[in-house]
């Protein structure tokens, strides 16, 4: 039986909490900190292509969606910092951040255009 793995939206709040210190963090640092919450067995489960771990892939999607909502800004390649939108998500969350929560920001809705 496969262990329960997080969905990408399950990872958005833990990812954003890492940025709550206001510092710039690298993609690699974020992944390492997220990975520390999972077992080696969970981390070894690959996406169907077999080229990447499921949790690594979903962490990348969480980062991307937070960027789409301008909750994170890119400071340089592979480096991010929290924005005012990110702080609002942290203060307003009910234990999880969902795509619906991201849609409150016009930057996220602009993706549909």
PDB file of N, CA and C in Angstrom:
ATOM      1  N   UNK A   1       0.837  -1.187   0.000  1.00  0.00           N
ATOM      2  CA  UNK A   1       0.000   0.000   0.000  1.00  0.00           C
ATOM      3  C   UNK A   1       0.883   1.253   0.000  1.00  0.00           C
ATOM      4  N   UNK A   2       0.532   2.215  -0.837  1.00  0.00           N
ATOM      5  CA  UNK A   2       1.297   3.460  -0.910  1.00  0.00           C
ATOM      6  C   UNK A   2       1.004   4.350   0.284  1.00  0.00           C
ATOM      7  N   UNK A   3       2.055   4.972   0.789  1.00  0.00           N
ATOM      8  CA  UNK A   3       1.880   5.914   1.888  1.00  0.00           C
ATOM      9  C   UNK A   3       1.178   7.172   1.362  1.00  0.00           C
ATOM     10  N   UNK A   4       0.428   7.805   2.236  1.00  0.00           N
ATOM     11  CA  UNK A   4      -0.257   9.041   1.860  1.00  0.00           C
ATOM     12  C   UNK A   4       0.781  10.139   1.625  1.00  0.00           C
ATOM     13  N   UNK A   5       0.725  10.719   0.449  1.00  0.00           N
ATOM     14  CA  UNK A   5       1.642  11.799   0.106  1.00  0.00           C
ATOM     15  C   UNK A   5       0.858  13.111   0.042  1.00  0.00           C
ATOM     16  N   UNK A   6       1.529  14.226   0.330  1.00  0.00           N
ATOM     17  CA  UNK A   6       0.834  15.511   0.295  1.00  0.00           C
ATOM     18  C   UNK A   6       0.510  15.913  -1.140  1.00  0.00           C
ATOM     19  N   UNK A   7      -0.616  16.621  -1.293  1.00  0.00           N
ATOM     20  CA  UNK A   7      -0.915  17.253  -2.568  1.00  0.00           C
ATOM     21  C   UNK A   7      -0.136  18.568  -2.599  1.00  0.00           C
ATOM     22  N   UNK A   8      -0.006  19.166  -3.777  1.00  0.00           N
ATOM     23  CA  UNK A   8       0.768  20.409  -3.842  1.00  0.00           C
ATOM     24  C   UNK A   8       0.142  21.492  -2.970  1.00  0.00           C
ATOM     25  N   UNK A   9      -1.203  21.527  -2.886  1.00  0.00           N
ATOM     26  CA  UNK A   9      -1.816  22.575  -2.070  1.00  0.00           C
ATOM     27  C   UNK A   9      -1.635  22.310  -0.577  1.00  0.00           C
ATOM     28  N   UNK A  10      -1.390  21.056  -0.201  1.00  0.00           N
ATOM     29  CA  UNK A  10      -1.062  20.747   1.195  1.00  0.00           C
ATOM     30  C   UNK A  10       0.285  21.349   1.584  1.00  0.00           C
ATOM     31  N   UNK A  11       1.130  21.594   0.597  1.00  0.00           N
ATOM     32  CA  UNK A  11       2.476  22.101   0.853  1.00  0.00           C
ATOM     33  C   UNK A  11       2.572  23.624   0.813  1.00  0.00           C
ATOM     34  N   UNK A  12       1.541  24.290   0.315  1.00  0.00           N
ATOM     35  CA  UNK A  12       1.643  25.748   0.183  1.00  0.00           C
ATOM     36  C   UNK A  12       1.825  26.446   1.530  1.00  0.00           C
ATOM     37  N   UNK A  13       1.076  26.061   2.547  1.00  0.00           N
ATOM     38  CA  UNK A  13       1.220  26.706   3.856  1.00  0.00           C
ATOM     39  C   UNK A  13       2.590  26.402   4.479  1.00  0.00           C
ATOM     40  N   UNK A  14       3.037  25.138   4.514  1.00  0.00           N
ATOM     41  CA  UNK A  14       4.374  24.903   5.070  1.00  0.00           C
ATOM     42  C   UNK A  14       5.477  25.654   4.315  1.00  0.00           C
ATOM     43  N   UNK A  15       5.358  25.734   2.989  1.00  0.00           N
ATOM     44  CA  UNK A  15       6.351  26.482   2.210  1.00  0.00           C
ATOM     45  C   UNK A  15       6.305  27.950   2.602  1.00  0.00           C
ATOM     46  N   UNK A  16       5.117  28.528   2.645  1.00  0.00           N
ATOM     47  CA  UNK A  16       5.002  29.947   2.951  1.00  0.00           C
ATOM     48  C   UNK A  16       5.466  30.259   4.369  1.00  0.00           C
ATOM     49  N   UNK A  17       5.237  29.349   5.297  1.00  0.00           N
ATOM     50  CA  UNK A  17       5.704  29.572   6.682  1.00  0.00           C
ATOM     51  C   UNK A  17       7.221  29.699   6.750  1.00  0.00           C
ATOM     52  N   UNK A  18       7.933  29.002   5.890  1.00  0.00           N
ATOM     53  CA  UNK A  18       9.398  29.116   5.866  1.00  0.00           C
ATOM     54  C   UNK A  18       9.798  30.558   5.564  1.00  0.00           C
ATOM     55  N   UNK A  19       9.020  31.211   4.718  1.00  0.00           N
ATOM     56  CA  UNK A  19       9.335  32.584   4.317  1.00  0.00           C
ATOM     57  C   UNK A  19       8.867  33.632   5.318  1.00  0.00           C
ATOM     58  N   UNK A  20       8.158  33.218   6.349  1.00  0.00           N
ATOM     59  CA  UNK A  20       7.591  34.183   7.299  1.00  0.00           C
ATOM     60  C   UNK A  20       8.656  35.002   8.016  1.00  0.00           C
ATOM     61  N   UNK A  21       9.909  34.554   7.968  1.00  0.00           N
ATOM     62  CA  UNK A  21      10.991  35.323   8.594  1.00  0.00           C
ATOM     63  C   UNK A  21      11.401  36.531   7.761  1.00  0.00           C
ATOM     64  N   UNK A  22      10.845  36.644   6.536  1.00  0.00           N
ATOM     65  CA  UNK A  22      11.147  37.795   5.683  1.00  0.00           C
ATOM     66  C   UNK A  22      12.440  37.687   4.904  1.00  0.00           C
ATOM     67  N   UNK A  23      13.187  36.611   5.123  1.00  0.00           N
ATOM     68  CA  UNK A  23      14.463  36.434   4.432  1.00  0.00           C
ATOM     69  C   UNK A  23      14.269  35.838   3.044  1.00  0.00           C
ATOM     70  N   UNK A  24      15.297  35.960   2.234  1.00  0.00           N
ATOM     71  CA  UNK A  24      15.340  35.302   0.934  1.00  0.00           C
ATOM     72  C   UNK A  24      15.736  33.849   1.176  1.00  0.00           C
ATOM     73  N   UNK A  25      15.022  32.928   0.522  1.00  0.00           N
ATOM     74  CA  UNK A  25      15.335  31.504   0.629  1.00  0.00           C
ATOM     75  C   UNK A  25      15.441  30.917  -0.769  1.00  0.00           C
ATOM     76  N   UNK A  26      16.335  29.956  -0.921  1.00  0.00           N
ATOM     77  CA  UNK A  26      16.515  29.310  -2.216  1.00  0.00           C
ATOM     78  C   UNK A  26      15.537  28.155  -2.381  1.00  0.00           C
ATOM     79  N   UNK A  27      15.286  27.809  -3.632  1.00  0.00           N
ATOM     80  CA  UNK A  27      14.428  26.662  -3.939  1.00  0.00           C
ATOM     81  C   UNK A  27      14.987  25.408  -3.264  1.00  0.00           C
ATOM     82  N   UNK A  28      16.301  25.233  -3.316  1.00  0.00           N
ATOM     83  CA  UNK A  28      16.918  24.049  -2.715  1.00  0.00           C
ATOM     84  C   UNK A  28      16.719  24.037  -1.196  1.00  0.00           C
ATOM     85  N   UNK A  29      16.869  25.168  -0.555  1.00  0.00           N
ATOM     86  CA  UNK A  29      16.662  25.254   0.891  1.00  0.00           C
ATOM     87  C   UNK A  29      15.220  24.894   1.254  1.00  0.00           C
ATOM     88  N   UNK A  30      14.282  25.413   0.475  1.00  0.00           N
ATOM     89  CA  UNK A  30      12.866  25.122   0.738  1.00  0.00           C
ATOM     90  C   UNK A  30      12.625  23.626   0.632  1.00  0.00           C
ATOM     91  N   UNK A  31      13.114  23.020  -0.439  1.00  0.00           N
ATOM     92  CA  UNK A  31      12.918  21.584  -0.622  1.00  0.00           C
ATOM     93  C   UNK A  31      13.530  20.798   0.529  1.00  0.00           C
ATOM     94  N   UNK A  32      14.731  21.137   0.938  1.00  0.00           N
ATOM     95  CA  UNK A  32      15.382  20.418   2.036  1.00  0.00           C
ATOM     96  C   UNK A  32      14.564  20.531   3.321  1.00  0.00           C
ATOM     97  N   UNK A  33      14.037  21.704   3.591  1.00  0.00           N
ATOM     98  CA  UNK A  33      13.244  21.887   4.813  1.00  0.00           C
ATOM     99  C   UNK A  33      11.924  21.130   4.741  1.00  0.00           C
ATOM    100  N   UNK A  34      11.291  21.122   3.572  1.00  0.00           N
ATOM    101  CA  UNK A  34      10.050  20.356   3.400  1.00  0.00           C
ATOM    102  C   UNK A  34      10.365  18.864   3.492  1.00  0.00           C
ATOM    103  N   UNK A  35      11.422  18.424   2.844  1.00  0.00           N
ATOM    104  CA  UNK A  35      11.787  17.002   2.834  1.00  0.00           C
ATOM    105  C   UNK A  35      12.032  16.463   4.242  1.00  0.00           C
ATOM    106  N   UNK A  36      12.471  17.312   5.152  1.00  0.00           N
ATOM    107  CA  UNK A  36      12.785  16.852   6.504  1.00  0.00           C
ATOM    108  C   UNK A  36      11.547  16.343   7.246  1.00  0.00           C
ATOM    109  N   UNK A  37      10.356  16.648   6.728  1.00  0.00           N
ATOM    110  CA  UNK A  37       9.109  16.190   7.350  1.00  0.00           C
ATOM    111  C   UNK A  37       8.646  14.830   6.842  1.00  0.00           C
ATOM    112  N   UNK A  38       9.389  14.245   5.906  1.00  0.00           N
ATOM    113  CA  UNK A  38       8.961  13.000   5.270  1.00  0.00           C
ATOM    114  C   UNK A  38      10.029  11.921   5.408  1.00  0.00           C
ATOM    115  N   UNK A  39       9.581  10.681   5.292  1.00  0.00           N
ATOM    116  CA  UNK A  39      10.490   9.539   5.423  1.00  0.00           C
ATOM    117  C   UNK A  39      11.249   9.333   4.112  1.00  0.00           C
ATOM    118  N   UNK A  40      12.388   8.652   4.181  1.00  0.00           N
ATOM    119  CA  UNK A  40      13.109   8.326   2.947  1.00  0.00           C
ATOM    120  C   UNK A  40      12.224   7.552   1.957  1.00  0.00           C
ATOM    121  N   UNK A  41      11.362   6.701   2.494  1.00  0.00           N
ATOM    122  CA  UNK A  41      10.472   5.932   1.620  1.00  0.00           C
ATOM    123  C   UNK A  41       9.516   6.858   0.865  1.00  0.00           C
ATOM    124  N   UNK A  42       8.946   7.823   1.578  1.00  0.00           N
ATOM    125  CA  UNK A  42       8.044   8.774   0.927  1.00  0.00           C
ATOM    126  C   UNK A  42       8.791   9.603  -0.122  1.00  0.00           C
ATOM    127  N   UNK A  43       9.996  10.017   0.212  1.00  0.00           N
ATOM    128  CA  UNK A  43      10.793  10.837  -0.704  1.00  0.00           C
ATOM    129  C   UNK A  43      11.247  10.058  -1.932  1.00  0.00           C
ATOM    130  N   UNK A  44      11.300   8.749  -1.831  1.00  0.00           N
ATOM    131  CA  UNK A  44      11.773   7.934  -2.955  1.00  0.00           C
ATOM    132  C   UNK A  44      10.679   7.625  -3.979  1.00  0.00           C
ATOM    133  N   UNK A  45       9.428   7.931  -3.666  1.00  0.00           N
ATOM    134  CA  UNK A  45       8.332   7.670  -4.610  1.00  0.00           C
ATOM    135  C   UNK A  45       8.420   8.686  -5.746  1.00  0.00           C
ATOM    136  N   UNK A  46       8.451   8.178  -6.969  1.00  0.00           N
ATOM    137  CA  UNK A  46       8.653   9.018  -8.143  1.00  0.00           C
ATOM    138  C   UNK A  46       7.347   9.308  -8.876  1.00  0.00           C
ATOM    139  N   UNK A  47       7.343  10.439  -9.601  1.00  0.00           N
ATOM    140  CA  UNK A  47       6.220  10.745 -10.483  1.00  0.00           C
ATOM    141  C   UNK A  47       6.248   9.728 -11.624  1.00  0.00           C
ATOM    142  N   UNK A  48       5.160   9.599 -12.384  1.00  0.00           N
ATOM    143  CA  UNK A  48       5.095   8.563 -13.418  1.00  0.00           C
ATOM    144  C   UNK A  48       6.270   8.536 -14.403  1.00  0.00           C
ATOM    145  N   UNK A  49       6.845   9.673 -14.726  1.00  0.00           N
ATOM    146  CA  UNK A  49       7.983   9.680 -15.658  1.00  0.00           C
ATOM    147  C   UNK A  49       9.217   9.030 -15.042  1.00  0.00           C
ATOM    148  N   UNK A  50       9.241   8.922 -13.700  1.00  0.00           N
ATOM    149  CA  UNK A  50      10.379   8.333 -13.015  1.00  0.00           C
ATOM    150  C   UNK A  50      11.582   9.242 -12.889  1.00  0.00           C
ATOM    151  N   UNK A  51      11.412  10.512 -13.254  1.00  0.00           N
ATOM    152  CA  UNK A  51      12.549  11.433 -13.272  1.00  0.00           C
ATOM    153  C   UNK A  51      12.643  12.331 -12.047  1.00  0.00           C
ATOM    154  N   UNK A  52      11.609  12.304 -11.221  1.00  0.00           N
ATOM    155  CA  UNK A  52      11.583  13.243 -10.094  1.00  0.00           C
ATOM    156  C   UNK A  52      10.716  12.673  -8.986  1.00  0.00           C
ATOM    157  N   UNK A  53      11.064  12.990  -7.748  1.00  0.00           N
ATOM    158  CA  UNK A  53      10.260  12.545  -6.622  1.00  0.00           C
ATOM    159  C   UNK A  53       8.934  13.289  -6.565  1.00  0.00           C
ATOM    160  N   UNK A  54       7.891  12.602  -6.112  1.00  0.00           N
ATOM    161  CA  UNK A  54       6.560  13.203  -6.008  1.00  0.00           C
ATOM    162  C   UNK A  54       6.590  14.418  -5.088  1.00  0.00           C
ATOM    163  N   UNK A  55       7.212  14.288  -3.930  1.00  0.00           N
ATOM    164  CA  UNK A  55       7.216  15.411  -2.980  1.00  0.00           C
ATOM    165  C   UNK A  55       8.034  16.578  -3.536  1.00  0.00           C
ATOM    166  N   UNK A  56       9.131  16.309  -4.212  1.00  0.00           N
ATOM    167  CA  UNK A  56       9.914  17.379  -4.841  1.00  0.00           C
ATOM    168  C   UNK A  56       9.077  18.091  -5.897  1.00  0.00           C
ATOM    169  N   UNK A  57       8.378  17.322  -6.704  1.00  0.00           N
ATOM    170  CA  UNK A  57       7.541  17.884  -7.752  1.00  0.00           C
ATOM    171  C   UNK A  57       6.425  18.747  -7.156  1.00  0.00           C
ATOM    172  N   UNK A  58       5.791  18.251  -6.137  1.00  0.00           N
ATOM    173  CA  UNK A  58       4.673  18.984  -5.527  1.00  0.00           C
ATOM    174  C   UNK A  58       5.150  20.220  -4.768  1.00  0.00           C
ATOM    175  N   UNK A  59       6.357  20.163  -4.217  1.00  0.00           N
ATOM    176  CA  UNK A  59       6.933  21.350  -3.582  1.00  0.00           C
ATOM    177  C   UNK A  59       7.183  22.429  -4.636  1.00  0.00           C
ATOM    178  N   UNK A  60       7.674  22.026  -5.797  1.00  0.00           N
ATOM    179  CA  UNK A  60       7.893  22.982  -6.889  1.00  0.00           C
ATOM    180  C   UNK A  60       6.584  23.610  -7.343  1.00  0.00           C
ATOM    181  N   UNK A  61       5.529  22.799  -7.431  1.00  0.00           N
ATOM    182  CA  UNK A  61       4.222  23.344  -7.811  1.00  0.00           C
ATOM    183  C   UNK A  61       3.701  24.297  -6.746  1.00  0.00           C
ATOM    184  N   UNK A  62       3.901  23.985  -5.480  1.00  0.00           N
ATOM    185  CA  UNK A  62       3.471  24.889  -4.408  1.00  0.00           C
ATOM    186  C   UNK A  62       4.176  26.236  -4.540  1.00  0.00           C
ATOM    187  N   UNK A  63       5.478  26.209  -4.770  1.00  0.00           N
ATOM    188  CA  UNK A  63       6.225  27.450  -4.972  1.00  0.00           C
ATOM    189  C   UNK A  63       5.676  28.219  -6.170  1.00  0.00           C
ATOM    190  N   UNK A  64       5.423  27.516  -7.264  1.00  0.00           N
ATOM    191  CA  UNK A  64       4.940  28.157  -8.481  1.00  0.00           C
ATOM    192  C   UNK A  64       3.576  28.819  -8.260  1.00  0.00           C
ATOM    193  N   UNK A  65       2.670  28.120  -7.619  1.00  0.00           N
ATOM    194  CA  UNK A  65       1.344  28.684  -7.376  1.00  0.00           C
ATOM    195  C   UNK A  65       1.424  29.896  -6.447  1.00  0.00           C
ATOM    196  N   UNK A  66       2.291  29.851  -5.452  1.00  0.00           N
ATOM    197  CA  UNK A  66       2.469  31.006  -4.572  1.00  0.00           C
ATOM    198  C   UNK A  66       3.039  32.188  -5.355  1.00  0.00           C
ATOM    199  N   UNK A  67       3.900  31.903  -6.310  1.00  0.00           N
ATOM    200  CA  UNK A  67       4.416  32.966  -7.178  1.00  0.00           C
ATOM    201  C   UNK A  67       3.315  33.514  -8.075  1.00  0.00           C
ATOM    202  N   UNK A  68       2.444  32.644  -8.610  1.00  0.00           N
ATOM    203  CA  UNK A  68       1.336  33.088  -9.454  1.00  0.00           C
ATOM    204  C   UNK A  68       0.447  34.089  -8.715  1.00  0.00           C
ATOM    205  N   UNK A  69       0.285  33.904  -7.412  1.00  0.00           N
ATOM    206  CA  UNK A  69      -0.551  34.792  -6.599  1.00  0.00           C
ATOM    207  C   UNK A  69       0.236  35.974  -6.042  1.00  0.00           C
ATOM    208  N   UNK A  70       1.487  36.086  -6.443  1.00  0.00           N
ATOM    209  CA  UNK A  70       2.377  37.125  -5.937  1.00  0.00           C
ATOM    210  C   UNK A  70       2.497  37.070  -4.413  1.00  0.00           C
ATOM    211  N   UNK A  71       2.419  35.861  -3.865  1.00  0.00           N
ATOM    212  CA  UNK A  71       2.669  35.671  -2.435  1.00  0.00           C
ATOM    213  C   UNK A  71       4.166  35.553  -2.197  1.00  0.00           C
ATOM    214  N   UNK A  72       4.874  35.144  -3.243  1.00  0.00           N
ATOM    215  CA  UNK A  72       6.333  35.105  -3.244  1.00  0.00           C
ATOM    216  C   UNK A  72       6.820  35.854  -4.466  1.00  0.00           C
ATOM    217  N   UNK A  73       7.936  36.531  -4.305  1.00  0.00           N
ATOM    218  CA  UNK A  73       8.563  37.182  -5.452  1.00  0.00           C
ATOM    219  C   UNK A  73       9.937  36.572  -5.669  1.00  0.00           C
ATOM    220  N   UNK A  74      10.349  36.540  -6.913  1.00  0.00           N
ATOM    221  CA  UNK A  74      11.671  36.042  -7.259  1.00  0.00           C
ATOM    222  C   UNK A  74      12.666  37.178  -7.088  1.00  0.00           C
ATOM    223  N   UNK A  75      13.695  36.937  -6.289  1.00  0.00           N
ATOM    224  CA  UNK A  75      14.719  37.961  -6.100  1.00  0.00           C
ATOM    225  C   UNK A  75      15.885  37.741  -7.055  1.00  0.00           C
ATOM    226  N   UNK A  76      16.148  36.508  -7.396  1.00  0.00           N
ATOM    227  CA  UNK A  76      17.083  36.117  -8.446  1.00  0.00           C
ATOM    228  C   UNK A  76      16.767  34.659  -8.767  1.00  0.00           C
ATOM    229  N   UNK A  77      17.431  34.094  -9.733  1.00  0.00           N
ATOM    230  CA  UNK A  77      17.091  32.734 -10.161  1.00  0.00           C
ATOM    231  C   UNK A  77      17.144  31.755  -8.984  1.00  0.00           C
ATOM    232  N   UNK A  78      15.993  31.118  -8.728  1.00  0.00           N
ATOM    233  CA  UNK A  78      15.920  30.113  -7.671  1.00  0.00           C
ATOM    234  C   UNK A  78      15.874  30.664  -6.261  1.00  0.00           C
ATOM    235  N   UNK A  79      15.665  31.971  -6.134  1.00  0.00           N
ATOM    236  CA  UNK A  79      15.588  32.608  -4.813  1.00  0.00           C
ATOM    237  C   UNK A  79      14.307  33.411  -4.709  1.00  0.00           C
ATOM    238  N   UNK A  80      13.672  33.311  -3.543  1.00  0.00           N
ATOM    239  CA  UNK A  80      12.360  33.929  -3.357  1.00  0.00           C
ATOM    240  C   UNK A  80      12.277  34.636  -2.011  1.00  0.00           C
ATOM    241  N   UNK A  81      11.300  35.565  -1.936  1.00  0.00           N
ATOM    242  CA  UNK A  81      11.022  36.296  -0.694  1.00  0.00           C
ATOM    243  C   UNK A  81       9.508  36.474  -0.614  1.00  0.00           C
ATOM    244  N   UNK A  82       8.995  36.508   0.601  1.00  0.00           N
ATOM    245  CA  UNK A  82       7.555  36.701   0.821  1.00  0.00           C
ATOM    246  C   UNK A  82       7.168  38.144   0.479  1.00  0.00           C
ATOM    247  N   UNK A  83       5.927  38.307   0.034  1.00  0.00           N
ATOM    248  CA  UNK A  83       5.382  39.626  -0.287  1.00  0.00           C
ATOM    249  C   UNK A  83       4.230  39.946   0.675  1.00  0.00           C
ATOM    250  N   UNK A  84       3.618  41.104   0.467  1.00  0.00           N
ATOM    251  CA  UNK A  84       2.441  41.456   1.277  1.00  0.00           C
ATOM    252  C   UNK A  84       1.326  40.431   1.086  1.00  0.00           C
ATOM    253  N   UNK A  85       1.142  39.951  -0.146  1.00  0.00           N
ATOM    254  CA  UNK A  85       0.129  38.916  -0.387  1.00  0.00           C
ATOM    255  C   UNK A  85       0.437  37.665   0.429  1.00  0.00           C
ATOM    256  N   UNK A  86       1.698  37.299   0.511  1.00  0.00           N
ATOM    257  CA  UNK A  86       2.098  36.133   1.289  1.00  0.00           C
ATOM    258  C   UNK A  86       1.814  36.312   2.770  1.00  0.00           C
ATOM    259  N   UNK A  87       2.113  37.495   3.286  1.00  0.00           N
ATOM    260  CA  UNK A  87       1.820  37.763   4.693  1.00  0.00           C
ATOM    261  C   UNK A  87       0.312  37.710   4.954  1.00  0.00           C
ATOM    262  N   UNK A  88      -0.484  38.202   4.001  1.00  0.00           N
ATOM    263  CA  UNK A  88      -1.947  38.153   4.147  1.00  0.00           C
ATOM    264  C   UNK A  88      -2.410  36.695   4.180  1.00  0.00           C
ATOM    265  N   UNK A  89      -1.888  35.858   3.302  1.00  0.00           N
ATOM    266  CA  UNK A  89      -2.256  34.437   3.304  1.00  0.00           C
ATOM    267  C   UNK A  89      -1.913  33.782   4.640  1.00  0.00           C
ATOM    268  N   UNK A  90      -0.749  34.115   5.184  1.00  0.00           N
ATOM    269  CA  UNK A  90      -0.349  33.539   6.471  1.00  0.00           C
ATOM    270  C   UNK A  90      -1.281  33.980   7.594  1.00  0.00           C
ATOM    271  N   UNK A  91      -1.673  35.230   7.581  1.00  0.00           N
ATOM    272  CA  UNK A  91      -2.511  35.719   8.677  1.00  0.00           C
ATOM    273  C   UNK A  91      -3.959  35.267   8.544  1.00  0.00           C
ATOM    274  N   UNK A  92      -4.404  34.997   7.312  1.00  0.00           N
ATOM    275  CA  UNK A  92      -5.804  34.636   7.076  1.00  0.00           C
ATOM    276  C   UNK A  92      -6.068  33.135   7.009  1.00  0.00           C
ATOM    277  N   UNK A  93      -5.045  32.312   7.000  1.00  0.00           N
ATOM    278  CA  UNK A  93      -5.259  30.875   6.744  1.00  0.00           C
ATOM    279  C   UNK A  93      -5.959  30.186   7.905  1.00  0.00           C
ATOM    280  N   UNK A  94      -6.636  29.109   7.565  1.00  0.00           N
ATOM    281  CA  UNK A  94      -7.314  28.270   8.562  1.00  0.00           C
ATOM    282  C   UNK A  94      -6.646  26.903   8.639  1.00  0.00           C
ATOM    283  N   UNK A  95      -5.339  26.891   8.600  1.00  0.00           N
ATOM    284  CA  UNK A  95      -4.607  25.636   8.677  1.00  0.00           C
ATOM    285  C   UNK A  95      -4.239  25.066   7.332  1.00  0.00           C
ATOM    286  N   UNK A  96      -4.659  25.735   6.254  1.00  0.00           N
ATOM    287  CA  UNK A  96      -4.327  25.294   4.904  1.00  0.00           C
ATOM    288  C   UNK A  96      -4.538  26.466   3.955  1.00  0.00           C
ATOM    289  N   UNK A  97      -3.732  26.522   2.919  1.00  0.00           N
ATOM    290  CA  UNK A  97      -3.923  27.491   1.849  1.00  0.00           C
ATOM    291  C   UNK A  97      -4.392  26.703   0.632  1.00  0.00           C
ATOM    292  N   UNK A  98      -5.468  27.158   0.021  1.00  0.00           N
ATOM    293  CA  UNK A  98      -6.015  26.483  -1.143  1.00  0.00           C
ATOM    294  C   UNK A  98      -5.906  27.380  -2.374  1.00  0.00           C
ATOM    295  N   UNK A  99      -6.162  26.804  -3.531  1.00  0.00           N
ATOM    296  CA  UNK A  99      -6.184  27.586  -4.757  1.00  0.00           C
ATOM    297  C   UNK A  99      -7.264  28.666  -4.655  1.00  0.00           C
ATOM    298  N   UNK A 100      -8.364  28.347  -4.009  1.00  0.00           N
ATOM    299  CA  UNK A 100      -9.433  29.345  -3.804  1.00  0.00           C
ATOM    300  C   UNK A 100      -8.886  30.549  -3.038  1.00  0.00           C
ATOM    301  N   UNK A 101      -8.037  30.308  -2.042  1.00  0.00           N
ATOM    302  CA  UNK A 101      -7.431  31.411  -1.287  1.00  0.00           C
ATOM    303  C   UNK A 101      -6.558  32.278  -2.193  1.00  0.00           C
ATOM    304  N   UNK A 102      -5.865  31.642  -3.127  1.00  0.00           N
ATOM    305  CA  UNK A 102      -4.989  32.383  -4.040  1.00  0.00           C
ATOM    306  C   UNK A 102      -5.782  33.251  -5.006  1.00  0.00           C
ATOM    307  N   UNK A 103      -6.999  32.819  -5.305  1.00  0.00           N
ATOM    308  CA  UNK A 103      -7.827  33.540  -6.273  1.00  0.00           C
ATOM    309  C   UNK A 103      -8.298  34.897  -5.764  1.00  0.00           C
ATOM    310  N   UNK A 104      -8.097  35.200  -4.484  1.00  0.00           N
ATOM    311  CA  UNK A 104      -8.461  36.523  -3.975  1.00  0.00           C
ATOM    312  C   UNK A 104      -7.551  37.606  -4.540  1.00  0.00           C
ATOM    313  N   UNK A 105      -6.412  37.203  -5.067  1.00  0.00           N
ATOM    314  CA  UNK A 105      -5.442  38.163  -5.581  1.00  0.00           C
ATOM    315  C   UNK A 105      -5.608  38.309  -7.091  1.00  0.00           C
ATOM    316  N   UNK A 106      -5.725  39.550  -7.575  1.00  0.00           N
ATOM    317  CA  UNK A 106      -5.921  39.762  -9.012  1.00  0.00           C
ATOM    318  C   UNK A 106      -4.798  39.164  -9.862  1.00  0.00           C
ATOM    319  N   UNK A 107      -3.588  39.117  -9.324  1.00  0.00           N
ATOM    320  CA  UNK A 107      -2.465  38.567 -10.075  1.00  0.00           C
ATOM    321  C   UNK A 107      -2.729  37.111 -10.451  1.00  0.00           C
ATOM    322  N   UNK A 108      -3.366  36.374  -9.545  1.00  0.00           N
ATOM    323  CA  UNK A 108      -3.660  34.967  -9.800  1.00  0.00           C
ATOM    324  C   UNK A 108      -4.774  34.844 -10.833  1.00  0.00           C
ATOM    325  N   UNK A 109      -5.804  35.662 -10.701  1.00  0.00           N
ATOM    326  CA  UNK A 109      -6.906  35.622 -11.660  1.00  0.00           C
ATOM    327  C   UNK A 109      -6.465  36.030 -13.059  1.00  0.00           C
ATOM    328  N   UNK A 110      -5.443  36.849 -13.165  1.00  0.00           N
ATOM    329  CA  UNK A 110      -4.945  37.274 -14.468  1.00  0.00           C
ATOM    330  C   UNK A 110      -4.389  36.115 -15.282  1.00  0.00           C
ATOM    331  N   UNK A 111      -4.118  34.984 -14.645  1.00  0.00           N
ATOM    332  CA  UNK A 111      -3.582  33.819 -15.356  1.00  0.00           C
ATOM    333  C   UNK A 111      -4.590  33.248 -16.343  1.00  0.00           C
ATOM    334  N   UNK A 112      -5.863  33.446 -16.085  1.00  0.00           N
ATOM    335  CA  UNK A 112      -6.903  32.903 -16.956  1.00  0.00           C
ATOM    336  C   UNK A 112      -7.028  33.667 -18.261  1.00  0.00           C
ATOM    337  N   UNK A 113      -6.495  34.886 -18.314  1.00  0.00           N
ATOM    338  CA  UNK A 113      -6.631  35.714 -19.516  1.00  0.00           C
ATOM    339  C   UNK A 113      -5.764  35.231 -20.654  1.00  0.00           C
TER     340      UNK A 113
END
